Amino acid sequence: MQHAVFIYASYGAAALGLGVLTLWLVLDYRAQARALADLEARGVRRRSERNRP
């Protein structure tokens, strides 16, 4: 039982780290989507949408 605390703490730290990374990704995705929508609303288009000669 002496190692149980270390094992539970390790799993907890890993779960916390994954949770923080997931939250960061979700928040960043929302921010990027808002920024892209703002640019498109102002008429800025993607280079890939240009007509090729």
Protein backbone atom coordinates (compact mmCIF):
# COMPACT_ATOMS: atom_id res chain seq x y z
CA MET A 1 0.00 0.00 0.00
CA GLN A 2 2.97 2.34 0.25
CA HIS A 3 3.14 2.72 -3.51
CA ALA A 4 -0.58 3.31 -3.96
CA VAL A 5 -0.30 7.01 -3.14
CA PHE A 6 2.42 7.45 -5.76
CA ILE A 7 0.40 5.55 -8.38
CA TYR A 8 -2.81 7.48 -7.67
CA ALA A 9 -0.91 10.77 -7.72
CA SER A 10 0.68 9.85 -11.05
CA TYR A 11 -2.68 8.97 -12.60
CA GLY A 12 -4.16 12.17 -11.16
CA ALA A 13 -1.36 14.31 -12.55
CA ALA A 14 -1.69 12.67 -15.98
CA ALA A 15 -5.47 13.14 -15.97
CA LEU A 16 -5.10 16.77 -14.91
CA GLY A 17 -2.54 17.40 -17.64
CA LEU A 18 -4.77 15.83 -20.28
CA GLY A 19 -7.73 17.84 -19.03
CA VAL A 20 -5.79 21.10 -19.20
CA LEU A 21 -4.55 20.32 -22.72
CA THR A 22 -8.06 19.42 -23.86
CA LEU A 23 -9.48 22.62 -22.41
CA TRP A 24 -6.72 24.64 -24.07
CA LEU A 25 -7.46 23.03 -27.45
CA VAL A 26 -11.19 23.70 -27.16
CA LEU A 27 -10.69 27.33 -26.18
CA ASP A 28 -8.09 27.88 -28.91
CA TYR A 29 -10.38 26.30 -31.52
CA ARG A 30 -13.19 28.65 -30.54
CA ALA A 31 -10.87 31.67 -30.68
CA GLN A 32 -9.55 30.68 -34.10
CA ALA A 33 -13.09 30.09 -35.41
CA ARG A 34 -14.13 33.55 -34.18
CA ALA A 35 -11.08 35.15 -35.77
CA LEU A 36 -11.72 33.38 -39.07
CA ALA A 37 -15.40 34.38 -39.04
CA ASP A 38 -14.40 38.00 -38.34
CA LEU A 39 -11.95 38.02 -41.25
CA GLU A 40 -14.50 36.48 -43.60
CA ALA A 41 -17.12 39.02 -42.48
CA ARG A 42 -14.68 41.82 -43.37
CA GLY A 43 -14.21 40.37 -46.83
CA VAL A 44 -10.80 38.79 -46.35
CA ARG A 45 -10.71 35.54 -48.28
CA ARG A 46 -8.37 32.59 -48.27
CA ARG A 47 -5.62 32.44 -50.87
CA SER A 48 -6.85 29.01 -51.89
CA GLU A 49 -10.14 30.59 -53.06
CA ARG A 50 -8.41 32.75 -55.69
CA ASN A 51 -8.88 31.91 -59.34
CA ARG A 52 -5.82 30.32 -60.80
CA PRO A 53 -4.58 31.70 -64.15
